[in-house]
Every structure is written in C-alpha cells, then in structure tokens.
Amino acid sequence: MVRRVVTGAHYGLRDWLAQRITAVVMAVYSVIMVFVLLTGKPIAYGVWRDLFSQGWMRVATLLFAASLAWHAWVGVRNILMDYIKPDGLRLSLQVGTLLVLGAYLGWAIQILWR
C-alpha cells in the first residue's frame, strides 16, 4: 500500500493560471487607459468625471482592481509560504495581507460607486 504524504497546499496550476489570467486582464485595461489618455482632450477633472460616469469604465476598473488584488494575493501568499517558516507568523501575515487587500478593494468600490 502506498501512503500519500501531504506536504503542502499544492496550488501549482491554479496559481499559475490565476497569475496569467489576472495579468492579461490588467494588461488589457492598461492598454485601454493608454489609448484613452493619448486620444483626445487634455485630462482635467471634468474629463475624468465623464469617463468614469460611464458604466463600462466603472466595471472595467473594478475588474482591474479585483484582478490586481487577486494577483497580489497569490504572489504574496506564495512568498510567505516559501520564506516564513513559523506557522503562526505566516498565518498572521497572510491574514493581514488579506485584510489590507480587502480594504483596498472595498475602497476602490466606494470610489467607483459613491
């Protein structure tokens, strides 16, 4: 009988895919923003207000913010799992990271839809 020893979380392929998919989403949003900034009017408050009053821009920005948070979480979690050996410290840092990323995402939602 072969005993299977679990030695980690085995996120592997899921992490790799998450990093690639979120990177593509962020790259597409960045290209859209560069296009918007380079075509047209000088950027002033009124231009930004008009741009972000459109629903598609709010949704695209929220998708970018969520992708950024997920991308950051996967990267920081993997770094913490690799380099922080005491379990309690690692868990504390992971929880702290999740709280900060959640607060940033909540702040982005508040800015976009207030």
Protein backbone atom coordinates (compact mmCIF):
# COMPACT_ATOMS: atom_id res chain seq x y z
CA MET A 1 0.00 0.00 0.00
CA VAL A 2 1.33 3.42 -0.96
CA ARG A 3 0.91 6.13 1.62
CA ARG A 4 0.41 9.57 0.23
CA VAL A 5 2.13 12.27 2.29
CA VAL A 6 0.65 15.72 2.01
CA THR A 7 3.46 18.23 2.27
CA GLY A 8 1.84 21.47 1.20
CA ALA A 9 -1.19 23.13 -0.30
CA HIS A 10 -0.39 22.11 -3.92
CA TYR A 11 -1.76 25.26 -5.51
CA GLY A 12 0.54 24.90 -8.56
CA LEU A 13 -1.51 25.04 -11.75
CA ARG A 14 -4.32 27.11 -10.20
CA ASP A 15 -1.82 29.76 -9.07
CA TRP A 16 -0.07 29.77 -12.42
CA LEU A 17 -3.38 30.23 -14.26
CA ALA A 18 -4.57 32.91 -11.81
CA GLN A 19 -1.37 34.89 -12.30
CA ARG A 20 -1.60 34.69 -16.09
CA ILE A 21 -5.31 35.48 -16.34
CA THR A 22 -5.13 38.43 -13.93
CA ALA A 23 -2.04 39.72 -15.73
CA VAL A 24 -3.89 39.63 -19.07
CA VAL A 25 -6.87 41.48 -17.57
CA MET A 26 -4.57 44.15 -16.13
CA ALA A 27 -2.64 44.46 -19.40
CA VAL A 28 -5.84 44.92 -21.44
CA TYR A 29 -7.09 47.58 -19.00
CA SER A 30 -3.71 49.34 -19.17
CA VAL A 31 -3.83 49.42 -22.97
CA ILE A 32 -7.36 50.85 -22.82
CA MET A 33 -6.23 53.55 -20.37
CA VAL A 34 -3.21 54.47 -22.51
CA PHE A 35 -5.49 54.73 -25.54
CA VAL A 36 -7.96 56.93 -23.63
CA LEU A 37 -5.17 59.16 -22.34
CA LEU A 38 -3.45 59.57 -25.70
CA THR A 39 -6.56 60.23 -27.78
CA GLY A 40 -8.36 63.40 -27.21
CA LYS A 41 -8.75 66.11 -24.69
CA PRO A 42 -6.29 67.23 -22.04
CA ILE A 43 -7.04 65.38 -18.84
CA ALA A 44 -8.91 67.53 -16.34
CA TYR A 45 -11.42 66.75 -13.61
CA GLY A 46 -14.38 67.06 -15.97
CA VAL A 47 -12.87 64.61 -18.45
CA TRP A 48 -12.19 62.05 -15.69
CA ARG A 49 -15.70 62.53 -14.27
CA ASP A 50 -17.28 62.00 -17.69
CA LEU A 51 -15.09 58.96 -18.38
CA PHE A 52 -15.89 57.27 -15.07
CA SER A 53 -19.60 58.15 -15.21
CA GLN A 54 -19.91 55.51 -17.93
CA GLY A 55 -20.87 52.08 -16.64
CA TRP A 56 -18.41 50.14 -18.79
CA MET A 57 -15.47 52.12 -17.41
CA ARG A 58 -16.55 51.53 -13.81
CA VAL A 59 -16.93 47.81 -14.43
CA ALA A 60 -13.57 47.64 -16.26
CA THR A 61 -11.88 49.49 -13.40
CA LEU A 62 -13.48 47.22 -10.81
CA LEU A 63 -12.35 44.17 -12.80
CA PHE A 64 -8.84 45.65 -12.89
CA ALA A 65 -8.86 46.28 -9.12
CA ALA A 66 -10.13 42.75 -8.38
CA SER A 67 -7.52 41.26 -10.70
CA LEU A 68 -4.80 43.32 -9.06
CA ALA A 69 -5.88 42.18 -5.59
CA TRP A 70 -6.02 38.52 -6.62
CA HIS A 71 -2.68 38.76 -8.42
CA ALA A 72 -1.09 40.37 -5.37
CA TRP A 73 -2.63 37.80 -3.02
CA VAL A 74 -1.28 34.82 -4.99
CA GLY A 75 2.19 36.35 -5.18
CA VAL A 76 2.42 37.42 -1.54
CA ARG A 77 0.93 34.14 -0.29
CA ASN A 78 3.49 32.13 -2.25
CA ILE A 79 6.34 34.27 -0.97
CA LEU A 80 5.12 33.89 2.62
CA MET A 81 4.71 30.12 2.22
CA ASP A 82 8.25 29.84 0.84
CA TYR A 83 10.15 32.09 3.23
CA ILE A 84 8.24 32.38 6.53
CA LYS A 85 8.62 29.09 8.39
CA PRO A 86 6.88 29.67 11.78
CA ASP A 87 3.23 28.78 11.17
CA GLY A 88 1.76 31.41 13.50
CA LEU A 89 3.75 34.25 11.96
CA ARG A 90 2.95 33.09 8.43
CA LEU A 91 -0.77 32.86 9.22
CA SER A 92 -0.74 36.30 10.82
CA LEU A 93 0.97 37.83 7.81
CA GLN A 94 -1.43 36.10 5.42
CA VAL A 95 -4.47 37.32 7.35
CA GLY A 96 -3.00 40.82 7.46
CA THR A 97 -2.39 40.73 3.72
CA LEU A 98 -5.97 39.59 3.06
CA LEU A 99 -7.37 42.35 5.27
CA VAL A 100 -5.30 45.04 3.54
CA LEU A 101 -6.19 43.79 0.05
CA GLY A 102 -9.86 43.56 1.03
CA ALA A 103 -9.76 47.12 2.39
CA TYR A 104 -8.15 48.37 -0.83
CA LEU A 105 -10.77 46.61 -2.94
CA GLY A 106 -13.56 47.99 -0.77
CA TRP A 107 -12.07 51.46 -1.10
CA ALA A 108 -11.96 51.10 -4.89
CA ILE A 109 -15.64 50.08 -4.90
CA GLN A 110 -16.51 53.06 -2.72
CA ILE A 111 -14.66 55.44 -5.05
CA LEU A 112 -16.26 53.99 -8.18
CA TRP A 113 -19.86 53.89 -6.94
CA ARG A 114 -20.34 56.71 -4.46
